[in-house]
Amino acid sequence: MVWGKDVEFLQKRAAAGKPTPALENRPYVYEDLIDVWDVFCQLQRCRQCAFGISPLGFRDIIAAIEFHELPDKLDAMELIVAMDQEWLKWADEQNSTGK
């Protein structure tokens, strides 16, 4: 999550032979889950942040799954909710450490 905005810089650094752990340790998305990952990333832009960061809404998740016509809706829902819970933990850690 931290490396995304700097991926081009990190790739140039790695190509120059410099150690680049942020790029080497980035998450790998399996090919059969790319559509679910894309939906999750799109939903991130719609996240509510009034008095703190809120979880993604079920209605938003369902609408996005149906809009993108993901084949296994229940699995997609469970995966997106699980990714969202992990993202919320990560965001809380970032807020508590002041990053």
Protein backbone atom coordinates (compact mmCIF):
# COMPACT_ATOMS: atom_id res chain seq x y z
CA MET A 1 0.00 0.00 0.00
CA VAL A 2 2.89 2.31 0.66
CA TRP A 3 4.79 1.61 -2.57
CA GLY A 4 1.98 2.22 -5.09
CA LYS A 5 2.48 5.90 -5.79
CA ASP A 6 6.24 5.47 -6.13
CA VAL A 7 6.36 2.31 -8.22
CA GLU A 8 8.15 3.93 -11.18
CA PHE A 9 10.86 5.34 -8.92
CA LEU A 10 11.25 1.97 -7.21
CA GLN A 11 11.49 0.14 -10.53
CA LYS A 12 14.25 2.50 -11.72
CA ARG A 13 16.09 1.99 -8.44
CA ALA A 14 15.85 -1.80 -8.77
CA ALA A 15 16.96 -1.65 -12.43
CA ALA A 16 20.06 0.25 -11.27
CA GLY A 17 20.90 -2.70 -9.00
CA LYS A 18 20.07 -0.92 -5.75
CA PRO A 19 18.32 -2.90 -2.99
CA THR A 20 14.62 -2.09 -3.13
CA PRO A 21 12.75 -4.04 -0.42
CA ALA A 22 9.53 -2.05 -0.88
CA LEU A 23 9.29 -3.30 -4.46
CA GLU A 24 10.59 -6.79 -3.72
CA ASN A 25 8.02 -7.29 -0.94
CA ARG A 26 5.00 -5.80 -2.65
CA PRO A 27 1.88 -7.95 -2.73
CA TYR A 28 1.22 -10.23 -5.66
CA VAL A 29 -2.32 -10.42 -7.01
CA TYR A 30 -3.15 -13.76 -8.58
CA GLU A 31 -4.55 -13.50 -12.09
CA ASP A 32 -7.96 -14.91 -11.14
CA LEU A 33 -8.34 -12.19 -8.47
CA ILE A 34 -7.37 -9.15 -10.53
CA ASP A 35 -11.01 -8.19 -11.18
CA VAL A 36 -11.80 -8.35 -7.45
CA TRP A 37 -8.68 -6.28 -6.67
CA ASP A 38 -9.71 -3.70 -9.30
CA VAL A 39 -13.19 -3.39 -7.76
CA PHE A 40 -11.65 -2.96 -4.29
CA CYS A 41 -9.32 -0.23 -5.59
CA GLN A 42 -12.22 1.58 -7.25
CA LEU A 43 -14.28 1.38 -4.06
CA GLN A 44 -11.39 2.96 -2.14
CA ARG A 45 -12.11 6.22 -3.96
CA CYS A 46 -15.67 6.23 -2.56
CA ARG A 47 -14.70 5.64 1.07
CA GLN A 48 -16.40 7.86 3.67
CA CYS A 49 -14.01 9.79 5.91
CA ALA A 50 -16.12 12.01 8.16
CA PHE A 51 -15.03 11.40 11.78
CA GLY A 52 -12.40 8.87 10.84
CA ILE A 53 -12.12 6.26 8.14
CA SER A 54 -15.23 4.16 7.63
CA PRO A 55 -15.42 0.66 6.23
CA LEU A 56 -16.73 0.27 2.71
CA GLY A 57 -20.51 0.03 2.63
CA PHE A 58 -22.13 -3.28 1.73
CA ARG A 59 -24.43 -1.59 -0.76
CA ASP A 60 -21.46 0.03 -2.48
CA ILE A 61 -19.63 -3.30 -2.61
CA ILE A 62 -22.66 -5.16 -4.00
CA ALA A 63 -23.31 -2.43 -6.58
CA ALA A 64 -19.68 -2.51 -7.74
CA ILE A 65 -19.66 -6.31 -7.96
CA GLU A 66 -22.84 -6.27 -10.03
CA PHE A 67 -21.68 -3.36 -12.19
CA HIS A 68 -18.45 -5.18 -13.03
CA GLU A 69 -20.36 -8.45 -13.49
CA LEU A 70 -18.02 -10.48 -11.29
CA PRO A 71 -18.98 -14.15 -11.70
CA ASP A 72 -18.95 -15.38 -8.09
CA LYS A 73 -20.64 -12.58 -6.20
CA LEU A 74 -20.47 -14.18 -2.73
CA ASP A 75 -16.75 -14.93 -3.00
CA ALA A 76 -16.08 -11.44 -4.35
CA MET A 77 -18.03 -9.90 -1.44
CA GLU A 78 -16.11 -11.94 1.14
CA LEU A 79 -12.75 -11.09 -0.45
CA ILE A 80 -13.49 -7.37 -0.67
CA VAL A 81 -14.70 -7.24 2.93
CA ALA A 82 -11.57 -9.11 4.07
CA MET A 83 -9.30 -6.75 2.08
CA ASP A 84 -11.17 -3.79 3.52
CA GLN A 85 -10.67 -5.04 7.08
CA GLU A 86 -6.93 -5.40 6.46
CA TRP A 87 -6.79 -1.96 4.85
CA LEU A 88 -8.60 -0.43 7.83
CA LYS A 89 -6.05 -2.03 10.19
CA TRP A 90 -3.21 -0.66 8.08
CA ALA A 91 -4.77 2.82 7.95
CA ASP A 92 -5.27 2.80 11.73
CA GLU A 93 -1.60 1.87 12.22
CA GLN A 94 -0.56 4.70 9.90
CA ASN A 95 -2.72 7.19 11.81
CA SER A 96 -1.48 6.03 15.21
CA THR A 97 2.18 6.28 14.20
CA GLY A 98 1.71 9.61 12.46
CA LYS A 99 2.81 8.44 9.00
